[in-house]
Protein backbone atom coordinates (compact mmCIF):
# COMPACT_ATOMS: atom_id res chain seq x y z
CA MET A 1 -0.02 -0.12 0.13
CA LEU A 2 1.25 3.60 -0.72
CA ARG A 3 1.07 6.12 2.16
CA PHE A 4 1.12 9.49 1.36
CA LYS A 5 2.76 11.94 3.39
CA LEU A 6 1.06 15.13 2.39
CA SER A 7 0.26 16.27 5.84
CA GLU A 8 3.66 16.06 6.92
CA ARG A 9 4.96 18.18 4.02
CA ILE A 10 2.54 20.79 4.66
CA ALA A 11 3.21 20.70 8.55
CA ASP A 12 7.14 21.46 7.65
CA LYS A 13 6.01 24.33 5.12
CA GLN A 14 3.72 25.77 7.62
CA PHE A 15 6.63 25.70 10.37
CA LYS A 16 9.37 27.08 7.87
CA GLU A 17 7.52 29.77 6.44
CA ARG A 18 5.91 30.46 10.16
CA ARG A 19 2.15 30.81 8.82
CA ARG A 20 -0.98 28.48 8.04
CA ILE A 21 -0.93 26.73 4.79
CA THR A 22 -4.45 25.72 3.21
CA ALA A 23 -5.48 23.25 0.94
CA LEU A 24 -7.28 25.93 -1.17
CA GLU A 25 -3.85 27.47 -1.33
CA ILE A 26 -2.00 24.15 -2.36
CA SER A 27 -4.77 23.62 -4.89
CA GLU A 28 -4.53 27.07 -6.46
CA ALA A 29 -0.75 26.93 -6.64
CA THR A 30 -0.60 23.31 -8.28
CA GLY A 31 -3.89 23.17 -9.92
CA ILE A 32 -5.03 19.81 -8.08
CA ASN A 33 -8.36 19.98 -7.33
CA ARG A 34 -9.01 20.23 -3.45
CA MET A 35 -11.01 17.09 -3.12
CA THR A 36 -7.91 15.16 -4.35
CA LEU A 37 -5.41 16.88 -1.80
CA SER A 38 -8.10 15.96 0.62
CA LYS A 39 -8.18 12.27 -0.46
CA LEU A 40 -4.55 11.99 -0.21
CA MET A 41 -4.41 13.62 3.16
CA ASN A 42 -7.07 11.25 4.93
CA LYS A 43 -7.48 8.10 2.62
CA HIS A 44 -5.52 5.29 2.71
CA GLY A 45 -4.19 3.84 -0.37
CA ALA A 46 -6.09 6.74 -2.47
CA ASN A 47 -5.32 6.74 -6.12
CA VAL A 48 -3.37 9.54 -7.59
CA GLN A 49 -2.16 10.67 -11.04
CA THR A 50 1.74 10.81 -11.38
CA ASP A 51 1.48 14.44 -12.90
CA ASN A 52 -0.16 15.36 -9.30
CA LEU A 53 2.90 13.74 -7.59
CA ASP A 54 4.77 15.78 -9.72
CA ARG A 55 3.19 18.98 -9.24
CA LEU A 56 3.04 18.36 -5.27
CA CYS A 57 7.00 17.68 -5.41
CA THR A 58 7.46 21.00 -7.22
CA TYR A 59 5.31 22.99 -4.77
CA PHE A 60 7.11 21.58 -1.60
CA GLY A 61 10.63 21.39 -3.22
CA CYS A 62 10.88 17.97 -2.12
CA ARG A 63 11.56 14.35 -3.73
CA ILE A 64 8.97 11.65 -4.58
CA GLU A 65 10.26 9.59 -1.49
CA ASP A 66 9.53 12.65 0.88
CA LEU A 67 5.95 12.53 -0.29
CA VAL A 68 5.25 9.01 -0.75
CA GLU A 69 6.17 5.83 1.34
CA HIS A 70 5.22 2.04 0.34
CA VAL A 71 4.15 -0.07 3.38
CA ALA A 72 4.17 -3.62 3.10
CA ASP A 73 0.70 -5.21 3.85
CA THR A 74 0.95 -7.17 7.03
């Protein structure tokens, strides 16, 4: 299963910039629908397109492994 670490990236960016960052702000900056962002933050194993992952990596200035983690099923 894939685990998306979007909430962690948001928290890191908020800490660095010392301000609150909303899903609406990320949506407007990346062109990704707010509902898609919400699914990535809240739903286990959400399905996401690779171009959205690319946009998020660009927005957060991170590598793909900072945004997505593979978790083995137990």
